[in-house]
Amino acid sequence: MSTIFKKIIDRQIPADIVHEDDLCLAFRDIHPHAPTHILVIPKKEIAGVSAATAQDSVLLGHLIFTAGQIAAREGLSNGYRLVINNGADAGQSVDHLHVHLLGGRALGWPPG
């Protein structure tokens, strides 16, 4: 069964896409937790960080690098946070690896 993110990749569900390349897709979160809240997802279906393999290491680096490029384009010069949840206890609600890019305001610590 396809996740909602796979359906977005396949254009079965619309999204406010801000970046796409051969490896990943990035779009605005429909329930933002900050003024800027973008999800960066791999096009390859990986359930989470714990499901990634050594062969995925370049892809994982690409997600982080791409998030940084998007943050610069979004004008997040005062800072931003990248979050990757893994598993239900961490708050992962979609079983498709994704990086949350959060910014546009001061972000507290600890996060939750």
PDB file of N, CA and C in Angstrom:
ATOM      1  N   MET A   1       0.838  -1.190   0.000  1.00  0.00           N
ATOM      2  CA  MET A   1       0.000   0.000   0.000  1.00  0.00           C
ATOM      3  C   MET A   1       0.877   1.245   0.000  1.00  0.00           C
ATOM      4  N   SER A   2       0.567   2.192  -0.845  1.00  0.00           N
ATOM      5  CA  SER A   2       1.345   3.417  -0.963  1.00  0.00           C
ATOM      6  C   SER A   2       1.078   4.360   0.196  1.00  0.00           C
ATOM      7  N   THR A   3       2.126   5.013   0.659  1.00  0.00           N
ATOM      8  CA  THR A   3       1.965   6.044   1.672  1.00  0.00           C
ATOM      9  C   THR A   3       1.496   7.330   0.995  1.00  0.00           C
ATOM     10  N   ILE A   4       1.065   8.273   1.802  1.00  0.00           N
ATOM     11  CA  ILE A   4       0.656   9.573   1.265  1.00  0.00           C
ATOM     12  C   ILE A   4       1.829  10.242   0.539  1.00  0.00           C
ATOM     13  N   PHE A   5       3.058  10.023   1.034  1.00  0.00           N
ATOM     14  CA  PHE A   5       4.217  10.640   0.377  1.00  0.00           C
ATOM     15  C   PHE A   5       4.466  10.023  -0.996  1.00  0.00           C
ATOM     16  N   LYS A   6       4.297   8.717  -1.125  1.00  0.00           N
ATOM     17  CA  LYS A   6       4.440   8.067  -2.431  1.00  0.00           C
ATOM     18  C   LYS A   6       3.384   8.608  -3.389  1.00  0.00           C
ATOM     19  N   LYS A   7       2.188   8.842  -2.885  1.00  0.00           N
ATOM     20  CA  LYS A   7       1.129   9.391  -3.730  1.00  0.00           C
ATOM     21  C   LYS A   7       1.452  10.821  -4.166  1.00  0.00           C
ATOM     22  N   ILE A   8       2.132  11.577  -3.312  1.00  0.00           N
ATOM     23  CA  ILE A   8       2.570  12.922  -3.704  1.00  0.00           C
ATOM     24  C   ILE A   8       3.653  12.816  -4.771  1.00  0.00           C
ATOM     25  N   ILE A   9       4.615  11.922  -4.584  1.00  0.00           N
ATOM     26  CA  ILE A   9       5.672  11.713  -5.590  1.00  0.00           C
ATOM     27  C   ILE A   9       5.050  11.359  -6.937  1.00  0.00           C
ATOM     28  N   ASP A  10       4.053  10.486  -6.915  1.00  0.00           N
ATOM     29  CA  ASP A  10       3.392  10.027  -8.140  1.00  0.00           C
ATOM     30  C   ASP A  10       2.347  10.998  -8.673  1.00  0.00           C
ATOM     31  N   ARG A  11       2.192  12.139  -7.983  1.00  0.00           N
ATOM     32  CA  ARG A  11       1.245  13.196  -8.376  1.00  0.00           C
ATOM     33  C   ARG A  11      -0.205  12.736  -8.294  1.00  0.00           C
ATOM     34  N   GLN A  12      -0.484  11.765  -7.439  1.00  0.00           N
ATOM     35  CA  GLN A  12      -1.857  11.344  -7.205  1.00  0.00           C
ATOM     36  C   GLN A  12      -2.539  12.257  -6.188  1.00  0.00           C
ATOM     37  N   ILE A  13      -1.725  12.941  -5.384  1.00  0.00           N
ATOM     38  CA  ILE A  13      -2.208  13.898  -4.390  1.00  0.00           C
ATOM     39  C   ILE A  13      -1.438  15.201  -4.629  1.00  0.00           C
ATOM     40  N   PRO A  14      -2.136  16.340  -4.683  1.00  0.00           N
ATOM     41  CA  PRO A  14      -1.422  17.599  -4.909  1.00  0.00           C
ATOM     42  C   PRO A  14      -0.619  18.031  -3.686  1.00  0.00           C
ATOM     43  N   ALA A  15       0.439  18.774  -3.934  1.00  0.00           N
ATOM     44  CA  ALA A  15       1.268  19.335  -2.867  1.00  0.00           C
ATOM     45  C   ALA A  15       1.903  20.620  -3.376  1.00  0.00           C
ATOM     46  N   ASP A  16       2.273  21.481  -2.443  1.00  0.00           N
ATOM     47  CA  ASP A  16       2.973  22.727  -2.776  1.00  0.00           C
ATOM     48  C   ASP A  16       4.468  22.397  -2.850  1.00  0.00           C
ATOM     49  N   ILE A  17       4.890  21.928  -4.009  1.00  0.00           N
ATOM     50  CA  ILE A  17       6.262  21.458  -4.207  1.00  0.00           C
ATOM     51  C   ILE A  17       7.201  22.646  -4.366  1.00  0.00           C
ATOM     52  N   VAL A  18       8.297  22.626  -3.595  1.00  0.00           N
ATOM     53  CA  VAL A  18       9.291  23.710  -3.658  1.00  0.00           C
ATOM     54  C   VAL A  18      10.600  23.247  -4.272  1.00  0.00           C
ATOM     55  N   HIS A  19      10.774  21.928  -4.411  1.00  0.00           N
ATOM     56  CA  HIS A  19      12.011  21.403  -5.002  1.00  0.00           C
ATOM     57  C   HIS A  19      11.759  19.978  -5.481  1.00  0.00           C
ATOM     58  N   GLU A  20      12.385  19.664  -6.617  1.00  0.00           N
ATOM     59  CA  GLU A  20      12.378  18.288  -7.092  1.00  0.00           C
ATOM     60  C   GLU A  20      13.638  18.057  -7.896  1.00  0.00           C
ATOM     61  N   ASP A  21      14.253  16.906  -7.684  1.00  0.00           N
ATOM     62  CA  ASP A  21      15.366  16.447  -8.501  1.00  0.00           C
ATOM     63  C   ASP A  21      15.229  14.946  -8.675  1.00  0.00           C
ATOM     64  N   ASP A  22      16.237  14.295  -9.209  1.00  0.00           N
ATOM     65  CA  ASP A  22      16.143  12.862  -9.475  1.00  0.00           C
ATOM     66  C   ASP A  22      15.999  12.025  -8.212  1.00  0.00           C
ATOM     67  N   LEU A  23      16.495  12.528  -7.073  1.00  0.00           N
ATOM     68  CA  LEU A  23      16.542  11.747  -5.843  1.00  0.00           C
ATOM     69  C   LEU A  23      15.472  12.096  -4.818  1.00  0.00           C
ATOM     70  N   CYS A  24      14.997  13.340  -4.836  1.00  0.00           N
ATOM     71  CA  CYS A  24      14.088  13.751  -3.771  1.00  0.00           C
ATOM     72  C   CYS A  24      13.058  14.769  -4.238  1.00  0.00           C
ATOM     73  N   LEU A  25      12.100  14.976  -3.354  1.00  0.00           N
ATOM     74  CA  LEU A  25      11.020  15.931  -3.567  1.00  0.00           C
ATOM     75  C   LEU A  25      10.838  16.688  -2.259  1.00  0.00           C
ATOM     76  N   ALA A  26      10.562  17.974  -2.333  1.00  0.00           N
ATOM     77  CA  ALA A  26      10.319  18.776  -1.127  1.00  0.00           C
ATOM     78  C   ALA A  26       9.045  19.580  -1.323  1.00  0.00           C
ATOM     79  N   PHE A  27       8.245  19.630  -0.255  1.00  0.00           N
ATOM     80  CA  PHE A  27       6.965  20.328  -0.332  1.00  0.00           C
ATOM     81  C   PHE A  27       6.602  20.894   1.036  1.00  0.00           C
ATOM     82  N   ARG A  28       5.729  21.888   1.028  1.00  0.00           N
ATOM     83  CA  ARG A  28       5.299  22.531   2.265  1.00  0.00           C
ATOM     84  C   ARG A  28       4.359  21.606   3.045  1.00  0.00           C
ATOM     85  N   ASP A  29       4.586  21.513   4.349  1.00  0.00           N
ATOM     86  CA  ASP A  29       3.748  20.699   5.216  1.00  0.00           C
ATOM     87  C   ASP A  29       2.358  21.331   5.302  1.00  0.00           C
ATOM     88  N   ILE A  30       1.317  20.516   5.223  1.00  0.00           N
ATOM     89  CA  ILE A  30      -0.050  21.064   5.276  1.00  0.00           C
ATOM     90  C   ILE A  30      -0.475  21.406   6.701  1.00  0.00           C
ATOM     91  N   HIS A  31       0.283  20.955   7.701  1.00  0.00           N
ATOM     92  CA  HIS A  31       0.036  21.304   9.100  1.00  0.00           C
ATOM     93  C   HIS A  31       1.332  21.847   9.695  1.00  0.00           C
ATOM     94  N   PRO A  32       1.736  23.068   9.283  1.00  0.00           N
ATOM     95  CA  PRO A  32       3.050  23.580   9.680  1.00  0.00           C
ATOM     96  C   PRO A  32       3.175  23.850  11.175  1.00  0.00           C
ATOM     97  N   HIS A  33       4.370  23.575  11.692  1.00  0.00           N
ATOM     98  CA  HIS A  33       4.701  23.846  13.087  1.00  0.00           C
ATOM     99  C   HIS A  33       5.643  25.038  13.222  1.00  0.00           C
ATOM    100  N   ALA A  34       5.874  25.732  12.129  1.00  0.00           N
ATOM    101  CA  ALA A  34       6.697  26.943  12.093  1.00  0.00           C
ATOM    102  C   ALA A  34       6.297  27.698  10.835  1.00  0.00           C
ATOM    103  N   PRO A  35       6.629  28.987  10.750  1.00  0.00           N
ATOM    104  CA  PRO A  35       6.276  29.733   9.540  1.00  0.00           C
ATOM    105  C   PRO A  35       6.780  29.065   8.255  1.00  0.00           C
ATOM    106  N   THR A  36       7.964  28.477   8.314  1.00  0.00           N
ATOM    107  CA  THR A  36       8.463  27.650   7.221  1.00  0.00           C
ATOM    108  C   THR A  36       8.527  26.219   7.724  1.00  0.00           C
ATOM    109  N   HIS A  37       7.792  25.339   7.102  1.00  0.00           N
ATOM    110  CA  HIS A  37       7.814  23.906   7.453  1.00  0.00           C
ATOM    111  C   HIS A  37       7.710  23.131   6.152  1.00  0.00           C
ATOM    112  N   ILE A  38       8.848  22.622   5.720  1.00  0.00           N
ATOM    113  CA  ILE A  38       8.955  21.907   4.456  1.00  0.00           C
ATOM    114  C   ILE A  38       9.425  20.489   4.739  1.00  0.00           C
ATOM    115  N   LEU A  39       8.860  19.529   4.028  1.00  0.00           N
ATOM    116  CA  LEU A  39       9.280  18.140   4.134  1.00  0.00           C
ATOM    117  C   LEU A  39      10.131  17.792   2.920  1.00  0.00           C
ATOM    118  N   VAL A  40      11.283  17.204   3.173  1.00  0.00           N
ATOM    119  CA  VAL A  40      12.178  16.745   2.105  1.00  0.00           C
ATOM    120  C   VAL A  40      12.158  15.222   2.168  1.00  0.00           C
ATOM    121  N   ILE A  41      11.722  14.592   1.078  1.00  0.00           N
ATOM    122  CA  ILE A  41      11.553  13.145   1.080  1.00  0.00           C
ATOM    123  C   ILE A  41      12.335  12.509  -0.067  1.00  0.00           C
ATOM    124  N   PRO A  42      12.866  11.322   0.164  1.00  0.00           N
ATOM    125  CA  PRO A  42      13.502  10.618  -0.954  1.00  0.00           C
ATOM    126  C   PRO A  42      12.438  10.045  -1.877  1.00  0.00           C
ATOM    127  N   LYS A  43      12.725   9.994  -3.153  1.00  0.00           N
ATOM    128  CA  LYS A  43      11.805   9.328  -4.078  1.00  0.00           C
ATOM    129  C   LYS A  43      11.846   7.817  -3.872  1.00  0.00           C
ATOM    130  N   LYS A  44      12.976   7.313  -3.410  1.00  0.00           N
ATOM    131  CA  LYS A  44      13.070   5.895  -3.076  1.00  0.00           C
ATOM    132  C   LYS A  44      12.273   5.668  -1.799  1.00  0.00           C
ATOM    133  N   GLU A  45      11.480   4.626  -1.782  1.00  0.00           N
ATOM    134  CA  GLU A  45      10.678   4.337  -0.595  1.00  0.00           C
ATOM    135  C   GLU A  45      11.543   3.664   0.474  1.00  0.00           C
ATOM    136  N   ILE A  46      11.797   4.407   1.546  1.00  0.00           N
ATOM    137  CA  ILE A  46      12.525   3.921   2.715  1.00  0.00           C
ATOM    138  C   ILE A  46      11.635   4.257   3.901  1.00  0.00           C
ATOM    139  N   ALA A  47      11.283   3.261   4.696  1.00  0.00           N
ATOM    140  CA  ALA A  47      10.314   3.482   5.774  1.00  0.00           C
ATOM    141  C   ALA A  47      10.804   4.479   6.812  1.00  0.00           C
ATOM    142  N   GLY A  48      12.082   4.474   7.121  1.00  0.00           N
ATOM    143  CA  GLY A  48      12.643   5.383   8.116  1.00  0.00           C
ATOM    144  C   GLY A  48      14.144   5.210   8.173  1.00  0.00           C
ATOM    145  N   VAL A  49      14.793   5.974   9.027  1.00  0.00           N
ATOM    146  CA  VAL A  49      16.248   5.899   9.148  1.00  0.00           C
ATOM    147  C   VAL A  49      16.683   4.475   9.478  1.00  0.00           C
ATOM    148  N   SER A  50      15.951   3.799  10.351  1.00  0.00           N
ATOM    149  CA  SER A  50      16.343   2.448  10.751  1.00  0.00           C
ATOM    150  C   SER A  50      16.216   1.439   9.609  1.00  0.00           C
ATOM    151  N   ALA A  51      15.499   1.776   8.550  1.00  0.00           N
ATOM    152  CA  ALA A  51      15.370   0.893   7.393  1.00  0.00           C
ATOM    153  C   ALA A  51      16.388   1.208   6.302  1.00  0.00           C
ATOM    154  N   ALA A  52      17.138   2.286   6.464  1.00  0.00           N
ATOM    155  CA  ALA A  52      18.144   2.659   5.470  1.00  0.00           C
ATOM    156  C   ALA A  52      19.324   1.688   5.532  1.00  0.00           C
ATOM    157  N   THR A  53      19.958   1.507   4.395  1.00  0.00           N
ATOM    158  CA  THR A  53      21.126   0.633   4.305  1.00  0.00           C
ATOM    159  C   THR A  53      22.357   1.463   3.963  1.00  0.00           C
ATOM    160  N   ALA A  54      23.498   0.815   3.986  1.00  0.00           N
ATOM    161  CA  ALA A  54      24.741   1.502   3.620  1.00  0.00           C
ATOM    162  C   ALA A  54      24.650   2.067   2.202  1.00  0.00           C
ATOM    163  N   GLN A  55      23.931   1.394   1.332  1.00  0.00           N
ATOM    164  CA  GLN A  55      23.768   1.877  -0.044  1.00  0.00           C
ATOM    165  C   GLN A  55      22.951   3.165  -0.106  1.00  0.00           C
ATOM    166  N   ASP A  56      22.227   3.493   0.946  1.00  0.00           N
ATOM    167  CA  ASP A  56      21.415   4.713   0.990  1.00  0.00           C
ATOM    168  C   ASP A  56      22.174   5.920   1.534  1.00  0.00           C
ATOM    169  N   SER A  57      23.427   5.744   1.919  1.00  0.00           N
ATOM    170  CA  SER A  57      24.137   6.832   2.601  1.00  0.00           C
ATOM    171  C   SER A  57      24.284   8.076   1.734  1.00  0.00           C
ATOM    172  N   VAL A  58      24.531   7.929   0.456  1.00  0.00           N
ATOM    173  CA  VAL A  58      24.635   9.101  -0.424  1.00  0.00           C
ATOM    174  C   VAL A  58      23.278   9.800  -0.503  1.00  0.00           C
ATOM    175  N   LEU A  59      22.218   9.034  -0.615  1.00  0.00           N
ATOM    176  CA  LEU A  59      20.868   9.599  -0.655  1.00  0.00           C
ATOM    177  C   LEU A  59      20.553  10.362   0.631  1.00  0.00           C
ATOM    178  N   LEU A  60      20.911   9.791   1.773  1.00  0.00           N
ATOM    179  CA  LEU A  60      20.649  10.472   3.050  1.00  0.00           C
ATOM    180  C   LEU A  60      21.398  11.800   3.119  1.00  0.00           C
ATOM    181  N   GLY A  61      22.641  11.803   2.684  1.00  0.00           N
ATOM    182  CA  GLY A  61      23.398  13.059   2.633  1.00  0.00           C
ATOM    183  C   GLY A  61      22.772  14.063   1.687  1.00  0.00           C
ATOM    184  N   HIS A  62      22.261  13.583   0.580  1.00  0.00           N
ATOM    185  CA  HIS A  62      21.611  14.465  -0.397  1.00  0.00           C
ATOM    186  C   HIS A  62      20.382  15.139   0.206  1.00  0.00           C
ATOM    187  N   LEU A  63      19.624  14.410   1.017  1.00  0.00           N
ATOM    188  CA  LEU A  63      18.444  15.003   1.657  1.00  0.00           C
ATOM    189  C   LEU A  63      18.841  16.172   2.553  1.00  0.00           C
ATOM    190  N   ILE A  64      19.891  15.979   3.353  1.00  0.00           N
ATOM    191  CA  ILE A  64      20.354  17.039   4.262  1.00  0.00           C
ATOM    192  C   ILE A  64      20.890  18.229   3.466  1.00  0.00           C
ATOM    193  N   PHE A  65      21.711  17.954   2.460  1.00  0.00           N
ATOM    194  CA  PHE A  65      22.266  19.014   1.628  1.00  0.00           C
ATOM    195  C   PHE A  65      21.152  19.808   0.940  1.00  0.00           C
ATOM    196  N   THR A  66      20.176  19.090   0.399  1.00  0.00           N
ATOM    197  CA  THR A  66      19.056  19.740  -0.281  1.00  0.00           C
ATOM    198  C   THR A  66      18.249  20.599   0.689  1.00  0.00           C
ATOM    199  N   ALA A  67      18.027  20.107   1.894  1.00  0.00           N
ATOM    200  CA  ALA A  67      17.309  20.898   2.903  1.00  0.00           C
ATOM    201  C   ALA A  67      18.038  22.214   3.164  1.00  0.00           C
ATOM    202  N   GLY A  68      19.360  22.170   3.232  1.00  0.00           N
ATOM    203  CA  GLY A  68      20.139  23.395   3.428  1.00  0.00           C
ATOM    204  C   GLY A  68      20.000  24.365   2.265  1.00  0.00           C
ATOM    205  N   GLN A  69      19.983  23.853   1.057  1.00  0.00           N
ATOM    206  CA  GLN A  69      19.790  24.709  -0.115  1.00  0.00           C
ATOM    207  C   GLN A  69      18.406  25.358  -0.099  1.00  0.00           C
ATOM    208  N   ILE A  70      17.401  24.588   0.259  1.00  0.00           N
ATOM    209  CA  ILE A  70      16.036  25.118   0.330  1.00  0.00           C
ATOM    210  C   ILE A  70      15.954  26.182   1.419  1.00  0.00           C
ATOM    211  N   ALA A  71      16.576  25.933   2.568  1.00  0.00           N
ATOM    212  CA  ALA A  71      16.579  26.919   3.661  1.00  0.00           C
ATOM    213  C   ALA A  71      17.165  28.243   3.184  1.00  0.00           C
ATOM    214  N   ALA A  72      18.242  28.193   2.419  1.00  0.00           N
ATOM    215  CA  ALA A  72      18.844  29.421   1.894  1.00  0.00           C
ATOM    216  C   ALA A  72      17.872  30.129   0.956  1.00  0.00           C
ATOM    217  N   ARG A  73      17.225  29.398   0.079  1.00  0.00           N
ATOM    218  CA  ARG A  73      16.252  30.002  -0.846  1.00  0.00           C
ATOM    219  C   ARG A  73      15.053  30.582  -0.106  1.00  0.00           C
ATOM    220  N   GLU A  74      14.698  29.971   1.027  1.00  0.00           N
ATOM    221  CA  GLU A  74      13.565  30.447   1.821  1.00  0.00           C
ATOM    222  C   GLU A  74      13.943  31.634   2.705  1.00  0.00           C
ATOM    223  N   GLY A  75      15.213  32.025   2.705  1.00  0.00           N
ATOM    224  CA  GLY A  75      15.653  33.182   3.475  1.00  0.00           C
ATOM    225  C   GLY A  75      15.800  32.917   4.963  1.00  0.00           C
ATOM    226  N   LEU A  76      16.115  31.692   5.346  1.00  0.00           N
ATOM    227  CA  LEU A  76      16.230  31.341   6.760  1.00  0.00           C
ATOM    228  C   LEU A  76      17.645  31.613   7.278  1.00  0.00           C
ATOM    229  N   SER A  77      18.111  32.827   7.071  1.00  0.00           N
ATOM    230  CA  SER A  77      19.486  33.188   7.430  1.00  0.00           C
ATOM    231  C   SER A  77      19.711  33.259   8.939  1.00  0.00           C
ATOM    232  N   ASN A  78      18.660  33.388   9.742  1.00  0.00           N
ATOM    233  CA  ASN A  78      18.816  33.409  11.203  1.00  0.00           C
ATOM    234  C   ASN A  78      18.872  32.017  11.800  1.00  0.00           C
ATOM    235  N   GLY A  79      18.659  31.007  10.985  1.00  0.00           N
ATOM    236  CA  GLY A  79      18.745  29.637  11.452  1.00  0.00           C
ATOM    237  C   GLY A  79      17.513  28.830  11.118  1.00  0.00           C
ATOM    238  N   TYR A  80      17.678  27.538  11.220  1.00  0.00           N
ATOM    239  CA  TYR A  80      16.592  26.603  10.952  1.00  0.00           C
ATOM    240  C   TYR A  80      16.924  25.292  11.636  1.00  0.00           C
ATOM    241  N   ARG A  81      15.939  24.420  11.700  1.00  0.00           N
ATOM    242  CA  ARG A  81      16.126  23.112  12.327  1.00  0.00           C
ATOM    243  C   ARG A  81      15.752  22.029  11.324  1.00  0.00           C
ATOM    244  N   LEU A  82      16.550  20.963  11.312  1.00  0.00           N
ATOM    245  CA  LEU A  82      16.231  19.768  10.542  1.00  0.00           C
ATOM    246  C   LEU A  82      15.886  18.671  11.534  1.00  0.00           C
ATOM    247  N   VAL A  83      14.754  17.999  11.321  1.00  0.00           N
ATOM    248  CA  VAL A  83      14.294  16.951  12.227  1.00  0.00           C
ATOM    249  C   VAL A  83      13.965  15.714  11.398  1.00  0.00           C
ATOM    250  N   ILE A  84      14.460  14.563  11.857  1.00  0.00           N
ATOM    251  CA  ILE A  84      14.086  13.280  11.277  1.00  0.00           C
ATOM    252  C   ILE A  84      13.567  12.416  12.417  1.00  0.00           C
ATOM    253  N   ASN A  85      12.292  12.087  12.387  1.00  0.00           N
ATOM    254  CA  ASN A  85      11.691  11.197  13.378  1.00  0.00           C
ATOM    255  C   ASN A  85      11.803   9.763  12.868  1.00  0.00           C
ATOM    256  N   ASN A  86      12.048   8.838  13.770  1.00  0.00           N
ATOM    257  CA  ASN A  86      12.147   7.428  13.393  1.00  0.00           C
ATOM    258  C   ASN A  86      11.326   6.589  14.360  1.00  0.00           C
ATOM    259  N   GLY A  87      10.190   6.119  13.897  1.00  0.00           N
ATOM    260  CA  GLY A  87       9.336   5.268  14.713  1.00  0.00           C
ATOM    261  C   GLY A  87       8.237   6.036  15.420  1.00  0.00           C
ATOM    262  N   ALA A  88       7.259   5.281  15.882  1.00  0.00           N
ATOM    263  CA  ALA A  88       6.068   5.862  16.505  1.00  0.00           C
ATOM    264  C   ALA A  88       6.396   6.676  17.751  1.00  0.00           C
ATOM    265  N   ASP A  89       7.298   6.187  18.601  1.00  0.00           N
ATOM    266  CA  ASP A  89       7.628   6.917  19.828  1.00  0.00           C
ATOM    267  C   ASP A  89       8.295   8.257  19.542  1.00  0.00           C
ATOM    268  N   ALA A  90       8.890   8.398  18.373  1.00  0.00           N
ATOM    269  CA  ALA A  90       9.520   9.662  17.985  1.00  0.00           C
ATOM    270  C   ALA A  90       8.543  10.593  17.279  1.00  0.00           C
ATOM    271  N   GLY A  91       7.349  10.096  16.998  1.00  0.00           N
ATOM    272  CA  GLY A  91       6.345  10.925  16.339  1.00  0.00           C
ATOM    273  C   GLY A  91       6.275  10.739  14.839  1.00  0.00           C
ATOM    274  N   GLN A  92       6.934   9.713  14.298  1.00  0.00           N
ATOM    275  CA  GLN A  92       6.850   9.468  12.863  1.00  0.00           C
ATOM    276  C   GLN A  92       5.458   8.953  12.538  1.00  0.00           C
ATOM    277  N   SER A  93       4.724   9.702  11.714  1.00  0.00           N
ATOM    278  CA  SER A  93       3.347   9.332  11.401  1.00  0.00           C
ATOM    279  C   SER A  93       3.182   8.769   9.994  1.00  0.00           C
ATOM    280  N   VAL A  94       4.198   8.934   9.148  1.00  0.00           N
ATOM    281  CA  VAL A  94       4.175   8.381   7.797  1.00  0.00           C
ATOM    282  C   VAL A  94       5.407   7.494   7.651  1.00  0.00           C
ATOM    283  N   ASP A  95       5.206   6.239   7.269  1.00  0.00           N
ATOM    284  CA  ASP A  95       6.322   5.308   7.121  1.00  0.00           C
ATOM    285  C   ASP A  95       7.041   5.504   5.797  1.00  0.00           C
ATOM    286  N   HIS A  96       7.565   6.696   5.625  1.00  0.00           N
ATOM    287  CA  HIS A  96       8.402   7.068   4.479  1.00  0.00           C
ATOM    288  C   HIS A  96       9.366   8.110   5.042  1.00  0.00           C
ATOM    289  N   LEU A  97      10.649   7.802   5.020  1.00  0.00           N
ATOM    290  CA  LEU A  97      11.660   8.695   5.567  1.00  0.00           C
ATOM    291  C   LEU A  97      11.425  10.124   5.099  1.00  0.00           C
ATOM    292  N   HIS A  98      11.521  11.079   6.011  1.00  0.00           N
ATOM    293  CA  HIS A  98      11.378  12.474   5.629  1.00  0.00           C
ATOM    294  C   HIS A  98      12.131  13.370   6.609  1.00  0.00           C
ATOM    295  N   VAL A  99      12.620  14.471   6.072  1.00  0.00           N
ATOM    296  CA  VAL A  99      13.327  15.484   6.850  1.00  0.00           C
ATOM    297  C   VAL A  99      12.411  16.689   6.971  1.00  0.00           C
ATOM    298  N   HIS A 100      12.150  17.112   8.205  1.00  0.00           N
ATOM    299  CA  HIS A 100      11.397  18.340   8.436  1.00  0.00           C
ATOM    300  C   HIS A 100      12.384  19.502   8.437  1.00  0.00           C
ATOM    301  N   LEU A 101      12.130  20.506   7.621  1.00  0.00           N
ATOM    302  CA  LEU A 101      12.875  21.763   7.624  1.00  0.00           C
ATOM    303  C   LEU A 101      11.967  22.789   8.278  1.00  0.00           C
ATOM    304  N   LEU A 102      12.373  23.270   9.455  1.00  0.00           N
ATOM    305  CA  LEU A 102      11.572  24.219  10.234  1.00  0.00           C
ATOM    306  C   LEU A 102      12.336  25.509  10.436  1.00  0.00           C
ATOM    307  N   GLY A 103      11.682  26.631  10.249  1.00  0.00           N
ATOM    308  CA  GLY A 103      12.333  27.914  10.474  1.00  0.00           C
ATOM    309  C   GLY A 103      11.348  29.057  10.361  1.00  0.00           C
ATOM    310  N   GLY A 104      11.902  30.257  10.414  1.00  0.00           N
ATOM    311  CA  GLY A 104      11.078  31.452  10.304  1.00  0.00           C
ATOM    312  C   GLY A 104      10.694  32.054  11.644  1.00  0.00           C
ATOM    313  N   ARG A 105      11.129  31.421  12.730  1.00  0.00           N
ATOM    314  CA  ARG A 105      10.930  31.947  14.081  1.00  0.00           C
ATOM    315  C   ARG A 105      11.965  31.271  14.975  1.00  0.00           C
ATOM    316  N   ALA A 106      12.117  31.824  16.192  1.00  0.00           N
ATOM    317  CA  ALA A 106      13.002  31.188  17.161  1.00  0.00           C
ATOM    318  C   ALA A 106      12.391  29.849  17.582  1.00  0.00           C
ATOM    319  N   LEU A 107      13.187  28.815  17.586  1.00  0.00           N
ATOM    320  CA  LEU A 107      12.734  27.462  17.933  1.00  0.00           C
ATOM    321  C   LEU A 107      13.290  27.098  19.296  1.00  0.00           C
ATOM    322  N   GLY A 108      12.430  26.694  20.214  1.00  0.00           N
ATOM    323  CA  GLY A 108      12.854  26.362  21.569  1.00  0.00           C
ATOM    324  C   GLY A 108      13.580  25.046  21.649  1.00  0.00           C
ATOM    325  N   TRP A 109      14.225  24.835  22.797  1.00  0.00           N
ATOM    326  CA  TRP A 109      14.902  23.570  23.077  1.00  0.00           C
ATOM    327  C   TRP A 109      14.696  23.227  24.534  1.00  0.00           C
ATOM    328  N   PRO A 110      14.411  22.039  24.942  1.00  0.00           N
ATOM    329  CA  PRO A 110      14.269  20.884  24.076  1.00  0.00           C
ATOM    330  C   PRO A 110      12.982  20.941  23.261  1.00  0.00           C
ATOM    331  N   PRO A 111      12.960  20.224  22.133  1.00  0.00           N
ATOM    332  CA  PRO A 111      11.815  20.333  21.224  1.00  0.00           C
ATOM    333  C   PRO A 111      10.557  19.643  21.728  1.00  0.00           C
ATOM    334  N   GLY A 112      10.620  18.694  22.611  1.00  0.00           N
ATOM    335  CA  GLY A 112       9.400  18.044  23.040  1.00  0.00           C
ATOM    336  C   GLY A 112       9.729  16.901  23.897  1.00  0.00           C
TER     337      GLY A 112
END
